[in-house]
Amino acid sequence: MQTYKNPILYSDYSDPDVIRVGEDYYMVASSFTYIPGVPILHSKDLVHWELINYCVKELPFEKYSMPSHGSGTWAPAIRFYNDTYYVFIPLVDEGIMVARSKDPYGEFELNMLCEKKGWIDPCPFWDEDGKAYMTFAYAGSRAGIKHRLMMVEIDPDCRQLTGEPVLIFDGEQIAPTTEGPKMYKKEDYYYILMPSGGVETGWQSCLRSKSVYGPYEYKIVMHQGAASVNGPHQGGWVTDPAGKDWFIHFQDVIELGRITHLQPMCFVDGWPFIGQDIDGDGIGEPVEEWKMPAEGMLAYEIAQSDDFSSETLGLQWQWQANPRKEFYSLTENPDHLRLFCYDNLERENLLWYAPNVLTQIPQHKTLTMTAKIQLQAQQYGDFGGIGIVGHTYGYIGLHNSKEGMEIRSYEGTVLEKTFEGKAEERCVFQTAADSTQVWLRAAILEDKTFRLAFSFDGQVFEDTGHSFKLQRATWTGAKICLWTCSRDNELSAGYCDYQWVKIEAL
């Protein structure tokens, strides 16, 4: 008998929701300011996943031409109805967006269902009588409320609201910070699974009723208990082809974000029971290891390293804002990624402010990222390098100074963490470079720090001697990144060619 171990993904695919269509499982997650957004992952066994697409190639609002930390795409919900994949996506400052497609690998059409600031975590539900509904929560940072769930009728094609929102649950006393509702129906009951109590220390709750609008009964169906997994939080229920139920959720590990767990699920006295009752209190707790949902399936993996041999950017990469064609090229120097020395037209050219930072979600607790680059500078201040993005961040690369080519490393500290934000940077390492070609390395370590190093031969690496504190970004874990820019913030025709990026678990 094969077993799996949690977490199934040590990577920040936060706020997961999952469905099964035939023999295939599809999962979506939030992305915030990182675009393309709302990744779609595919699996055959709920344990091994591959990244296949994004619902949002760019956001149709001007503000996302620049980073808007903490805004963008929050917790989505995915459903399959009438031969169409629907993904409901909350834009916390703009409203509820719907992405739809007949093909999860194809293009998704986007429409705004409603323009409502502060409405988050929407989930659609189509009833047997043909009526459609959406349950949703509120963002405390925008609406001043974070403990109420609402129900509103929508048109079955998900183009507009057709009713007024109705309060179905107020958790101010028993379930503060109630959010992320996911709606289902089993036999006579409507069920809403939702996280309560906050991301880091909360629990998984359930509502049930025989009417869409309630009244709903409340029950805690999973908590940390005697397990080591803090705040088992927000996810989706799915039933496998054999009829067995499963629950995918996240755990917040702070620095690297919200990692993905899979729990066995069953029903006891008409209520979901998630995990295993280890401490005997009658409430489920997350399991560390369990029987595989299916054996002998393809062991998919999510791409990480890249040799840039394709003429399209790999799905593992996301920009820090809406992408632009002037950021990069994969064809000017085949088998290389060319990033241009982009200046920031809006403000000082710091990494936290830059739309052309190319990021990737780490897939391991500890890792190294190594890149081979060559800088073709045209102006003083042209820079190309790699780094780690978070509320403390660091990067290293080649810098064209008036004194000649140099290796420079910078440390950034984020002072204002949301929207455009505010940051400050300082140079923490500087040395002469005798070449425009260099190998760079970033290493995320077990002690929740990261270090940066360089080499001129690809064999012997010199550490900069500076230890950086690993920190999460705004509503996301820390990300690895590539960045080329004009540090003097002037128009430049310079560029940096990345021959390859190799990522390995430590």
Foldseek 3Di string as FASTA:
>chain_A
DDKDFPPLFPWAQAQKEWEDDVQKIWIWGADFLWPPTTWIWIDRFVRFIETQDGQRRADPDPLLVWFFFPFDWHRWYWDADPLKIWIWTAGQAFAIKIWIDSDPNDHTDIAGQDGDHFWGQWEKDADPVGWIKIKTAGDCVTPVAQFWIWMFTGHSVSNYTDGDIDTQDGCPPPFGRWGNWYWDDDPQKIKTWIWGDDQFATAIKMWIASDPSDNTDIDTQEAAPPHPFHRFGHYYWYAHPVGWIKTKTWGQPFQQHTTIHIWGWDDDPRHIHTAPDPPPPPHHHHDRMDHTSDPDTDNHHYDDKDQLQDQDDDPQKIWSGNDDPLQWGCPVDPSWIKGFAAFDPPDQDDPLTDRSKIWGIDREQKKKKKWKKFKDFDDAQWWWWKWKDAQKIKIWTWGQHPVGIKIWMKIKHWDAQGTSGDIDMDIQAIDHDPHRIKMKMWIQDPVQWIWIWIDPPVPDIDTRPDIGHRGQGRNRHMIITIDIHRNVRDDTRIIMIISIMDMDGD
